[in-house]
Amino acid sequence: MTKKRRQYLVKPKLQLKYLSILAFIIVVSAMMIYYAFLDSLLTSPGMDQLSAGAIRNFVRSYTSGFFWVTLVFTIIVLIESVFYFHRLIGPVFFFEIVMNKLSQGKFFVNVHHRKKDETIELAVNIKKTIENVRSAVSEDRKRIELIKDAIDLGEKEKAKQMLSELTKWFKIQDDKN
């Protein structure tokens, strides 16, 4: 089942942190590229034949063009990153809510995902786990009722046997081998 989450900044602090890091990386990379290309252009053959004014105009045009291309590229990348982070951090935020409810013993939660989420496999596994726990709890409740009936009928050995088999699926093995 898919459900739309319309809030794009579900964890604003986290998402803005990663957007800031991404913007910083783009700016530092752009500065390195700018100076590497500028140096290559200024030291290329034939540049020494240009006048100082022509070189200043060339550098000014190069700088202006590079600035605008970098600005447009940065804006496009940051906008796309908001959508990407929405498909990644949104589900993580949802899983935090689900796990919080599960830790409180509320197994009625349903896990859902959207087609473009990056964590579909995790959502499917969490959903299967919740269904398995629900099924096991339901089965254990039925067994408890049978144990109660056995006790009421005075069949204590049968009740002890059934009780020892109860919640076998959840027992943790002892590591002291």
N, C-alpha and C. Protein backbone atom coordinates (compact mmCIF):
# COMPACT_ATOMS: atom_id res chain seq x y z
N MET A 1 0.85 -1.17 0.00
CA MET A 1 0.00 0.00 0.00
C MET A 1 0.90 1.23 0.00
N THR A 2 0.53 2.20 -0.78
CA THR A 2 1.32 3.42 -0.81
C THR A 2 0.54 4.55 -0.17
N LYS A 3 1.27 5.43 0.44
CA LYS A 3 0.67 6.59 1.07
C LYS A 3 1.57 7.77 0.78
N LYS A 4 0.98 8.90 0.47
CA LYS A 4 1.76 10.09 0.16
C LYS A 4 2.06 10.86 1.43
N ARG A 5 3.33 11.21 1.59
CA ARG A 5 3.72 12.11 2.66
C ARG A 5 4.06 13.42 1.99
N ARG A 6 3.36 14.45 2.32
CA ARG A 6 3.50 15.72 1.61
C ARG A 6 4.52 16.65 2.26
N GLN A 7 4.92 16.39 3.45
CA GLN A 7 5.86 17.26 4.12
C GLN A 7 7.28 16.87 3.67
N TYR A 8 7.97 17.79 3.00
CA TYR A 8 9.27 17.45 2.45
C TYR A 8 10.41 17.58 3.46
N LEU A 9 10.23 18.38 4.48
CA LEU A 9 11.25 18.48 5.52
C LEU A 9 10.70 17.87 6.81
N VAL A 10 10.68 16.53 6.87
CA VAL A 10 10.12 15.85 8.04
C VAL A 10 11.08 15.91 9.23
N LYS A 11 12.35 15.96 8.94
CA LYS A 11 13.39 16.13 9.97
C LYS A 11 14.25 17.30 9.52
N PRO A 12 13.71 18.52 9.69
CA PRO A 12 14.39 19.70 9.13
C PRO A 12 15.85 19.84 9.53
N LYS A 13 16.16 19.59 10.79
CA LYS A 13 17.54 19.75 11.26
C LYS A 13 18.48 18.82 10.49
N LEU A 14 18.09 17.56 10.37
CA LEU A 14 18.91 16.57 9.69
C LEU A 14 19.01 16.88 8.19
N GLN A 15 17.87 17.18 7.58
CA GLN A 15 17.88 17.45 6.15
C GLN A 15 18.64 18.73 5.82
N LEU A 16 18.48 19.77 6.61
CA LEU A 16 19.21 21.00 6.36
C LEU A 16 20.71 20.82 6.59
N LYS A 17 21.05 19.95 7.53
CA LYS A 17 22.46 19.65 7.77
C LYS A 17 23.08 19.03 6.52
N TYR A 18 22.40 18.05 5.93
CA TYR A 18 22.93 17.39 4.74
C TYR A 18 22.89 18.30 3.51
N LEU A 19 21.89 19.16 3.42
CA LEU A 19 21.86 20.14 2.33
C LEU A 19 23.01 21.13 2.47
N SER A 20 23.31 21.53 3.69
CA SER A 20 24.44 22.45 3.93
C SER A 20 25.76 21.79 3.57
N ILE A 21 25.92 20.55 3.95
CA ILE A 21 27.15 19.82 3.60
C ILE A 21 27.28 19.71 2.09
N LEU A 22 26.18 19.38 1.42
CA LEU A 22 26.19 19.26 -0.03
C LEU A 22 26.52 20.60 -0.68
N ALA A 23 25.92 21.68 -0.22
CA ALA A 23 26.21 23.01 -0.76
C ALA A 23 27.68 23.37 -0.54
N PHE A 24 28.21 23.05 0.64
CA PHE A 24 29.62 23.33 0.93
C PHE A 24 30.53 22.56 -0.03
N ILE A 25 30.22 21.30 -0.27
CA ILE A 25 31.02 20.49 -1.19
C ILE A 25 30.98 21.07 -2.60
N ILE A 26 29.80 21.50 -3.03
CA ILE A 26 29.67 22.08 -4.37
C ILE A 26 30.48 23.36 -4.47
N VAL A 27 30.39 24.22 -3.47
CA VAL A 27 31.12 25.50 -3.50
C VAL A 27 32.62 25.27 -3.50
N VAL A 28 33.11 24.38 -2.64
CA VAL A 28 34.55 24.11 -2.59
C VAL A 28 35.02 23.49 -3.91
N SER A 29 34.26 22.56 -4.44
CA SER A 29 34.61 21.95 -5.72
C SER A 29 34.60 22.99 -6.83
N ALA A 30 33.60 23.85 -6.84
CA ALA A 30 33.51 24.89 -7.87
C ALA A 30 34.71 25.83 -7.79
N MET A 31 35.12 26.19 -6.58
CA MET A 31 36.28 27.08 -6.43
C MET A 31 37.55 26.41 -6.97
N MET A 32 37.72 25.14 -6.67
CA MET A 32 38.90 24.42 -7.15
C MET A 32 38.87 24.32 -8.68
N ILE A 33 37.72 24.02 -9.23
CA ILE A 33 37.59 23.93 -10.69
C ILE A 33 37.83 25.30 -11.33
N TYR A 34 37.26 26.33 -10.73
CA TYR A 34 37.42 27.69 -11.25
C TYR A 34 38.90 28.04 -11.37
N TYR A 35 39.65 27.87 -10.28
CA TYR A 35 41.06 28.26 -10.30
C TYR A 35 41.90 27.34 -11.18
N ALA A 36 41.56 26.07 -11.26
CA ALA A 36 42.31 25.17 -12.13
C ALA A 36 42.10 25.55 -13.59
N PHE A 37 40.86 25.81 -14.00
CA PHE A 37 40.60 26.19 -15.39
C PHE A 37 41.16 27.59 -15.70
N LEU A 38 41.00 28.50 -14.76
CA LEU A 38 41.52 29.85 -14.98
C LEU A 38 43.03 29.80 -15.18
N ASP A 39 43.72 29.04 -14.36
CA ASP A 39 45.16 28.91 -14.50
C ASP A 39 45.52 28.28 -15.84
N SER A 40 44.76 27.25 -16.24
CA SER A 40 45.02 26.60 -17.53
C SER A 40 44.81 27.57 -18.68
N LEU A 41 43.74 28.36 -18.58
CA LEU A 41 43.45 29.31 -19.66
C LEU A 41 44.49 30.42 -19.73
N LEU A 42 44.88 30.94 -18.57
CA LEU A 42 45.83 32.06 -18.56
C LEU A 42 47.24 31.64 -18.95
N THR A 43 47.58 30.39 -18.76
CA THR A 43 48.92 29.92 -19.13
C THR A 43 48.94 29.21 -20.48
N SER A 44 47.82 29.21 -21.19
CA SER A 44 47.78 28.55 -22.50
C SER A 44 48.53 29.38 -23.53
N PRO A 45 49.02 28.73 -24.57
CA PRO A 45 49.78 29.45 -25.61
C PRO A 45 48.94 30.55 -26.26
N GLY A 46 49.56 31.67 -26.49
CA GLY A 46 48.90 32.78 -27.16
C GLY A 46 48.33 33.81 -26.22
N MET A 47 48.15 33.49 -24.95
CA MET A 47 47.59 34.45 -23.99
C MET A 47 48.57 35.60 -23.73
N ASP A 48 49.86 35.34 -23.90
CA ASP A 48 50.84 36.39 -23.65
C ASP A 48 50.81 37.48 -24.72
N GLN A 49 50.12 37.21 -25.81
CA GLN A 49 50.01 38.19 -26.88
C GLN A 49 48.86 39.16 -26.66
N LEU A 50 47.97 38.87 -25.68
CA LEU A 50 46.84 39.74 -25.39
C LEU A 50 47.27 40.87 -24.47
N SER A 51 46.56 41.99 -24.59
CA SER A 51 46.87 43.12 -23.71
C SER A 51 46.31 42.86 -22.32
N ALA A 52 46.78 43.63 -21.34
CA ALA A 52 46.33 43.48 -19.96
C ALA A 52 44.83 43.73 -19.86
N GLY A 53 44.30 44.69 -20.62
CA GLY A 53 42.86 44.98 -20.61
C GLY A 53 42.06 43.84 -21.19
N ALA A 54 42.55 43.22 -22.24
CA ALA A 54 41.86 42.08 -22.85
C ALA A 54 41.84 40.89 -21.89
N ILE A 55 42.95 40.69 -21.20
CA ILE A 55 43.01 39.59 -20.22
C ILE A 55 42.04 39.87 -19.07
N ARG A 56 41.98 41.12 -18.57
CA ARG A 56 41.03 41.47 -17.50
C ARG A 56 39.59 41.22 -17.95
N ASN A 57 39.27 41.64 -19.18
CA ASN A 57 37.92 41.40 -19.71
C ASN A 57 37.63 39.91 -19.85
N PHE A 58 38.64 39.15 -20.29
CA PHE A 58 38.48 37.71 -20.42
C PHE A 58 38.22 37.08 -19.05
N VAL A 59 39.02 37.45 -18.04
CA VAL A 59 38.86 36.91 -16.69
C VAL A 59 37.51 37.31 -16.11
N ARG A 60 37.08 38.55 -16.34
CA ARG A 60 35.79 39.02 -15.85
C ARG A 60 34.65 38.22 -16.50
N SER A 61 34.71 37.99 -17.79
CA SER A 61 33.67 37.22 -18.49
C SER A 61 33.68 35.76 -18.01
N TYR A 62 34.88 35.21 -17.89
CA TYR A 62 35.00 33.82 -17.42
C TYR A 62 34.42 33.70 -16.01
N THR A 63 34.76 34.64 -15.13
CA THR A 63 34.28 34.61 -13.74
C THR A 63 32.77 34.74 -13.69
N SER A 64 32.22 35.66 -14.44
CA SER A 64 30.78 35.88 -14.45
C SER A 64 30.05 34.63 -14.96
N GLY A 65 30.50 34.10 -16.07
CA GLY A 65 29.87 32.89 -16.63
C GLY A 65 29.98 31.71 -15.68
N PHE A 66 31.16 31.55 -15.10
CA PHE A 66 31.37 30.43 -14.18
C PHE A 66 30.49 30.57 -12.95
N PHE A 67 30.36 31.80 -12.43
CA PHE A 67 29.52 32.04 -11.27
C PHE A 67 28.07 31.65 -11.55
N TRP A 68 27.53 32.10 -12.68
CA TRP A 68 26.12 31.82 -12.98
C TRP A 68 25.88 30.33 -13.25
N VAL A 69 26.79 29.68 -13.95
CA VAL A 69 26.65 28.24 -14.19
C VAL A 69 26.69 27.49 -12.86
N THR A 70 27.62 27.87 -11.98
CA THR A 70 27.73 27.22 -10.67
C THR A 70 26.49 27.47 -9.83
N LEU A 71 25.98 28.69 -9.86
CA LEU A 71 24.78 29.01 -9.09
C LEU A 71 23.58 28.18 -9.57
N VAL A 72 23.36 28.12 -10.86
CA VAL A 72 22.24 27.33 -11.41
C VAL A 72 22.42 25.86 -11.06
N PHE A 73 23.64 25.34 -11.24
CA PHE A 73 23.92 23.94 -10.93
C PHE A 73 23.66 23.65 -9.45
N THR A 74 24.11 24.54 -8.58
CA THR A 74 23.91 24.35 -7.14
C THR A 74 22.44 24.34 -6.79
N ILE A 75 21.68 25.27 -7.35
CA ILE A 75 20.23 25.32 -7.07
C ILE A 75 19.55 24.04 -7.54
N ILE A 76 19.87 23.59 -8.74
CA ILE A 76 19.26 22.35 -9.26
C ILE A 76 19.60 21.16 -8.37
N VAL A 77 20.86 21.03 -7.99
CA VAL A 77 21.28 19.91 -7.15
C VAL A 77 20.61 19.97 -5.78
N LEU A 78 20.52 21.14 -5.19
CA LEU A 78 19.90 21.25 -3.86
C LEU A 78 18.40 20.96 -3.91
N ILE A 79 17.72 21.43 -4.96
CA ILE A 79 16.29 21.12 -5.09
C ILE A 79 16.09 19.62 -5.30
N GLU A 80 16.88 19.02 -6.16
CA GLU A 80 16.77 17.57 -6.36
C GLU A 80 17.10 16.82 -5.08
N SER A 81 18.04 17.33 -4.31
CA SER A 81 18.41 16.68 -3.05
C SER A 81 17.27 16.72 -2.04
N VAL A 82 16.50 17.80 -2.03
CA VAL A 82 15.34 17.86 -1.13
C VAL A 82 14.39 16.71 -1.45
N PHE A 83 14.14 16.47 -2.73
CA PHE A 83 13.25 15.38 -3.13
C PHE A 83 13.87 14.02 -2.81
N TYR A 84 15.18 13.89 -3.05
CA TYR A 84 15.85 12.63 -2.74
C TYR A 84 15.83 12.36 -1.23
N PHE A 85 16.17 13.39 -0.45
CA PHE A 85 16.16 13.23 1.01
C PHE A 85 14.76 12.91 1.50
N HIS A 86 13.76 13.45 0.82
CA HIS A 86 12.37 13.16 1.18
C HIS A 86 12.08 11.68 1.01
N ARG A 87 12.63 11.08 -0.05
CA ARG A 87 12.42 9.64 -0.29
C ARG A 87 13.27 8.77 0.62
N LEU A 88 14.29 9.35 1.22
CA LEU A 88 15.17 8.59 2.10
C LEU A 88 14.92 8.89 3.58
N ILE A 89 14.94 10.15 3.94
CA ILE A 89 14.79 10.53 5.35
C ILE A 89 13.33 10.43 5.79
N GLY A 90 12.39 10.68 4.88
CA GLY A 90 10.97 10.54 5.22
C GLY A 90 10.64 9.14 5.75
N PRO A 91 11.03 8.09 5.02
CA PRO A 91 10.79 6.74 5.54
C PRO A 91 11.54 6.45 6.84
N VAL A 92 12.75 6.96 6.97
CA VAL A 92 13.50 6.75 8.21
C VAL A 92 12.75 7.38 9.38
N PHE A 93 12.22 8.57 9.17
CA PHE A 93 11.42 9.24 10.19
C PHE A 93 10.18 8.40 10.53
N PHE A 94 9.53 7.87 9.50
CA PHE A 94 8.35 7.02 9.71
C PHE A 94 8.73 5.76 10.49
N PHE A 95 9.88 5.14 10.15
CA PHE A 95 10.31 3.94 10.87
C PHE A 95 10.61 4.24 12.33
N GLU A 96 11.13 5.44 12.61
CA GLU A 96 11.35 5.83 14.00
C GLU A 96 10.03 5.86 14.76
N ILE A 97 8.99 6.39 14.13
CA ILE A 97 7.67 6.44 14.76
C ILE A 97 7.15 5.02 14.99
N VAL A 98 7.28 4.16 13.98
CA VAL A 98 6.82 2.77 14.10
C VAL A 98 7.57 2.06 15.21
N MET A 99 8.89 2.20 15.24
CA MET A 99 9.69 1.51 16.25
C MET A 99 9.37 2.03 17.65
N ASN A 100 9.10 3.32 17.77
CA ASN A 100 8.71 3.88 19.05
C ASN A 100 7.40 3.25 19.54
N LYS A 101 6.43 3.13 18.65
CA LYS A 101 5.15 2.50 19.02
C LYS A 101 5.35 1.03 19.38
N LEU A 102 6.19 0.34 18.61
CA LEU A 102 6.46 -1.07 18.90
C LEU A 102 7.14 -1.22 20.26
N SER A 103 8.06 -0.32 20.58
CA SER A 103 8.75 -0.40 21.87
C SER A 103 7.79 -0.16 23.03
N GLN A 104 6.66 0.50 22.75
CA GLN A 104 5.64 0.71 23.77
C GLN A 104 4.64 -0.44 23.81
N GLY A 105 4.87 -1.47 22.97
CA GLY A 105 3.98 -2.62 22.95
C GLY A 105 2.75 -2.44 22.08
N LYS A 106 2.74 -1.44 21.25
CA LYS A 106 1.59 -1.18 20.37
C LYS A 106 1.86 -1.84 19.01
N PHE A 107 1.36 -3.06 18.85
CA PHE A 107 1.61 -3.82 17.64
C PHE A 107 0.49 -3.67 16.61
N PHE A 108 -0.33 -2.65 16.76
CA PHE A 108 -1.41 -2.41 15.81
C PHE A 108 -0.94 -1.52 14.65
N VAL A 109 0.29 -1.04 14.68
CA VAL A 109 0.78 -0.13 13.64
C VAL A 109 0.91 -0.87 12.32
N ASN A 110 0.69 -0.14 11.26
CA ASN A 110 0.87 -0.68 9.92
C ASN A 110 2.02 0.05 9.24
N VAL A 111 2.84 -0.70 8.57
CA VAL A 111 3.97 -0.13 7.85
C VAL A 111 3.58 -0.01 6.39
N HIS A 112 3.78 1.15 5.84
CA HIS A 112 3.49 1.36 4.43
C HIS A 112 4.67 2.09 3.79
N HIS A 113 4.68 2.08 2.49
CA HIS A 113 5.75 2.75 1.76
C HIS A 113 5.21 3.30 0.46
N ARG A 114 5.98 4.20 -0.10
CA ARG A 114 5.64 4.76 -1.40
C ARG A 114 6.51 4.10 -2.46
N LYS A 115 6.07 4.12 -3.69
CA LYS A 115 6.80 3.46 -4.78
C LYS A 115 8.23 3.95 -4.92
N LYS A 116 8.46 5.22 -4.71
CA LYS A 116 9.79 5.80 -4.95
C LYS A 116 10.66 5.87 -3.70
N ASP A 117 10.19 5.35 -2.57
CA ASP A 117 11.00 5.35 -1.35
C ASP A 117 12.25 4.51 -1.56
N GLU A 118 13.32 4.92 -0.92
CA GLU A 118 14.59 4.21 -1.04
C GLU A 118 14.69 3.04 -0.04
N THR A 119 13.70 2.88 0.81
CA THR A 119 13.79 1.88 1.88
C THR A 119 12.65 0.86 1.80
N ILE A 120 12.25 0.49 0.60
CA ILE A 120 11.12 -0.43 0.43
C ILE A 120 11.41 -1.78 1.07
N GLU A 121 12.64 -2.30 0.88
CA GLU A 121 12.98 -3.61 1.44
C GLU A 121 12.87 -3.59 2.96
N LEU A 122 13.34 -2.51 3.57
CA LEU A 122 13.26 -2.39 5.02
C LEU A 122 11.80 -2.33 5.47
N ALA A 123 10.97 -1.59 4.76
CA ALA A 123 9.55 -1.50 5.10
C ALA A 123 8.88 -2.86 5.02
N VAL A 124 9.20 -3.62 3.98
CA VAL A 124 8.62 -4.96 3.83
C VAL A 124 9.06 -5.87 4.98
N ASN A 125 10.34 -5.81 5.34
CA ASN A 125 10.84 -6.65 6.44
C ASN A 125 10.23 -6.27 7.78
N ILE A 126 10.09 -4.98 8.04
CA ILE A 126 9.46 -4.55 9.30
C ILE A 126 8.01 -4.99 9.33
N LYS A 127 7.32 -4.87 8.20
CA LYS A 127 5.91 -5.28 8.12
C LYS A 127 5.78 -6.78 8.41
N LYS A 128 6.65 -7.60 7.80
CA LYS A 128 6.63 -9.06 8.04
C LYS A 128 6.89 -9.36 9.51
N THR A 129 7.85 -8.66 10.11
CA THR A 129 8.19 -8.87 11.52
C THR A 129 7.00 -8.57 12.42
N ILE A 130 6.33 -7.45 12.16
CA ILE A 130 5.16 -7.08 12.97
C ILE A 130 4.06 -8.12 12.81
N GLU A 131 3.83 -8.57 11.57
CA GLU A 131 2.80 -9.59 11.34
C GLU A 131 3.15 -10.89 12.06
N ASN A 132 4.42 -11.28 12.04
CA ASN A 132 4.85 -12.50 12.74
C ASN A 132 4.65 -12.38 14.24
N VAL A 133 4.98 -11.22 14.81
CA VAL A 133 4.79 -11.02 16.24
C VAL A 133 3.31 -11.04 16.59
N ARG A 134 2.49 -10.37 15.79
CA ARG A 134 1.04 -10.38 16.02
C ARG A 134 0.51 -11.81 16.00
N SER A 135 0.93 -12.57 15.00
CA SER A 135 0.48 -13.95 14.87
C SER A 135 0.93 -14.78 16.08
N ALA A 136 2.18 -14.61 16.49
CA ALA A 136 2.70 -15.37 17.62
C ALA A 136 1.96 -15.01 18.91
N VAL A 137 1.69 -13.72 19.11
CA VAL A 137 0.97 -13.29 20.31
C VAL A 137 -0.45 -13.86 20.30
N SER A 138 -1.08 -13.85 19.14
CA SER A 138 -2.43 -14.41 19.03
C SER A 138 -2.43 -15.91 19.33
N GLU A 139 -1.44 -16.58 18.77
CA GLU A 139 -1.32 -18.03 19.01
C GLU A 139 -1.04 -18.31 20.49
N ASP A 140 -0.17 -17.51 21.11
CA ASP A 140 0.12 -17.69 22.53
C ASP A 140 -1.11 -17.44 23.39
N ARG A 141 -1.91 -16.47 23.03
CA ARG A 141 -3.15 -16.20 23.78
C ARG A 141 -4.10 -17.40 23.71
N LYS A 142 -4.17 -18.02 22.54
CA LYS A 142 -5.01 -19.21 22.40
C LYS A 142 -4.47 -20.35 23.27
N ARG A 143 -3.15 -20.50 23.27
CA ARG A 143 -2.53 -21.55 24.10
C ARG A 143 -2.77 -21.29 25.58
N ILE A 144 -2.72 -20.03 25.98
CA ILE A 144 -2.97 -19.68 27.39
C ILE A 144 -4.39 -20.07 27.78
N GLU A 145 -5.32 -19.84 26.88
CA GLU A 145 -6.71 -20.25 27.16
C GLU A 145 -6.80 -21.77 27.31
N LEU A 146 -6.08 -22.51 26.46
CA LEU A 146 -6.07 -23.98 26.59
C LEU A 146 -5.43 -24.42 27.90
N ILE A 147 -4.37 -23.71 28.32
CA ILE A 147 -3.71 -24.01 29.60
C ILE A 147 -4.66 -23.75 30.76
N LYS A 148 -5.38 -22.64 30.69
CA LYS A 148 -6.36 -22.33 31.72
C LYS A 148 -7.42 -23.43 31.80
N ASP A 149 -7.89 -23.88 30.64
CA ASP A 149 -8.90 -24.96 30.61
C ASP A 149 -8.33 -26.24 31.22
N ALA A 150 -7.06 -26.56 30.91
CA ALA A 150 -6.44 -27.76 31.46
C ALA A 150 -6.32 -27.65 32.98
N ILE A 151 -5.98 -26.48 33.48
CA ILE A 151 -5.86 -26.27 34.94
C ILE A 151 -7.24 -26.42 35.58
N ASP A 152 -8.26 -25.82 34.93
CA ASP A 152 -9.62 -25.93 35.46
C ASP A 152 -10.10 -27.37 35.51
N LEU A 153 -9.64 -28.18 34.54
CA LEU A 153 -10.04 -29.59 34.51
C LEU A 153 -9.16 -30.46 35.39
N GLY A 154 -8.15 -29.84 36.03
CA GLY A 154 -7.28 -30.58 36.94
C GLY A 154 -6.16 -31.33 36.24
N GLU A 155 -5.91 -31.04 35.00
CA GLU A 155 -4.85 -31.71 34.24
C GLU A 155 -3.55 -30.90 34.35
N LYS A 156 -2.93 -30.95 35.53
CA LYS A 156 -1.77 -30.11 35.81
C LYS A 156 -0.55 -30.49 34.98
N GLU A 157 -0.31 -31.78 34.76
CA GLU A 157 0.84 -32.20 33.96
C GLU A 157 0.71 -31.72 32.52
N LYS A 158 -0.50 -31.84 32.00
CA LYS A 158 -0.76 -31.37 30.64
C LYS A 158 -0.56 -29.84 30.58
N ALA A 159 -1.02 -29.14 31.61
CA ALA A 159 -0.88 -27.68 31.67
C ALA A 159 0.60 -27.30 31.75
N LYS A 160 1.41 -28.04 32.55
CA LYS A 160 2.84 -27.76 32.65
C LYS A 160 3.53 -27.97 31.31
N GLN A 161 3.18 -29.06 30.64
CA GLN A 161 3.75 -29.36 29.32
C GLN A 161 3.42 -28.25 28.33
N MET A 162 2.17 -27.84 28.31
CA MET A 162 1.74 -26.78 27.39
C MET A 162 2.40 -25.45 27.74
N LEU A 163 2.58 -25.21 29.01
CA LEU A 163 3.21 -23.97 29.46
C LEU A 163 4.68 -23.92 29.06
N SER A 164 5.36 -25.06 29.11
CA SER A 164 6.77 -25.09 28.72
C SER A 164 6.94 -24.86 27.21
N GLU A 165 5.92 -25.17 26.42
CA GLU A 165 5.98 -24.96 24.98
C GLU A 165 5.55 -23.54 24.59
N LEU A 166 4.98 -22.84 25.54
CA LEU A 166 4.49 -21.48 25.26
C LEU A 166 5.65 -20.54 24.96
N THR A 167 5.49 -19.71 24.00
CA THR A 167 6.46 -18.70 23.54
C THR A 167 7.83 -19.29 23.19
N LYS A 168 7.82 -20.51 22.68
CA LYS A 168 9.07 -21.12 22.27
C LYS A 168 9.75 -20.30 21.17
N TRP A 169 8.97 -19.66 20.34
CA TRP A 169 9.51 -18.89 19.23
C TRP A 169 10.33 -17.70 19.70
N PHE A 170 10.16 -17.27 20.94
CA PHE A 170 10.79 -16.06 21.43
C PHE A 170 11.96 -16.34 22.36
N LYS A 171 12.15 -17.57 22.75
CA LYS A 171 13.22 -17.87 23.71
C LYS A 171 14.58 -17.63 23.10
N ILE A 172 15.46 -17.09 23.89
CA ILE A 172 16.82 -16.78 23.47
C ILE A 172 17.72 -17.91 23.94
N GLN A 173 18.57 -18.36 23.02
CA GLN A 173 19.46 -19.47 23.39
C GLN A 173 20.58 -18.94 24.26
N ASP A 174 21.00 -19.80 25.18
CA ASP A 174 22.06 -19.47 26.10
C ASP A 174 23.40 -19.59 25.36
N ASP A 175 24.25 -18.60 25.49
CA ASP A 175 25.54 -18.59 24.81
C ASP A 175 26.61 -19.38 25.56
N LYS A 176 26.27 -20.02 26.67
CA LYS A 176 27.24 -20.74 27.52
C LYS A 176 27.37 -22.19 27.05
N ASN A 177 27.86 -22.42 25.84
CA ASN A 177 28.00 -23.79 25.33
C ASN A 177 29.31 -24.38 25.69
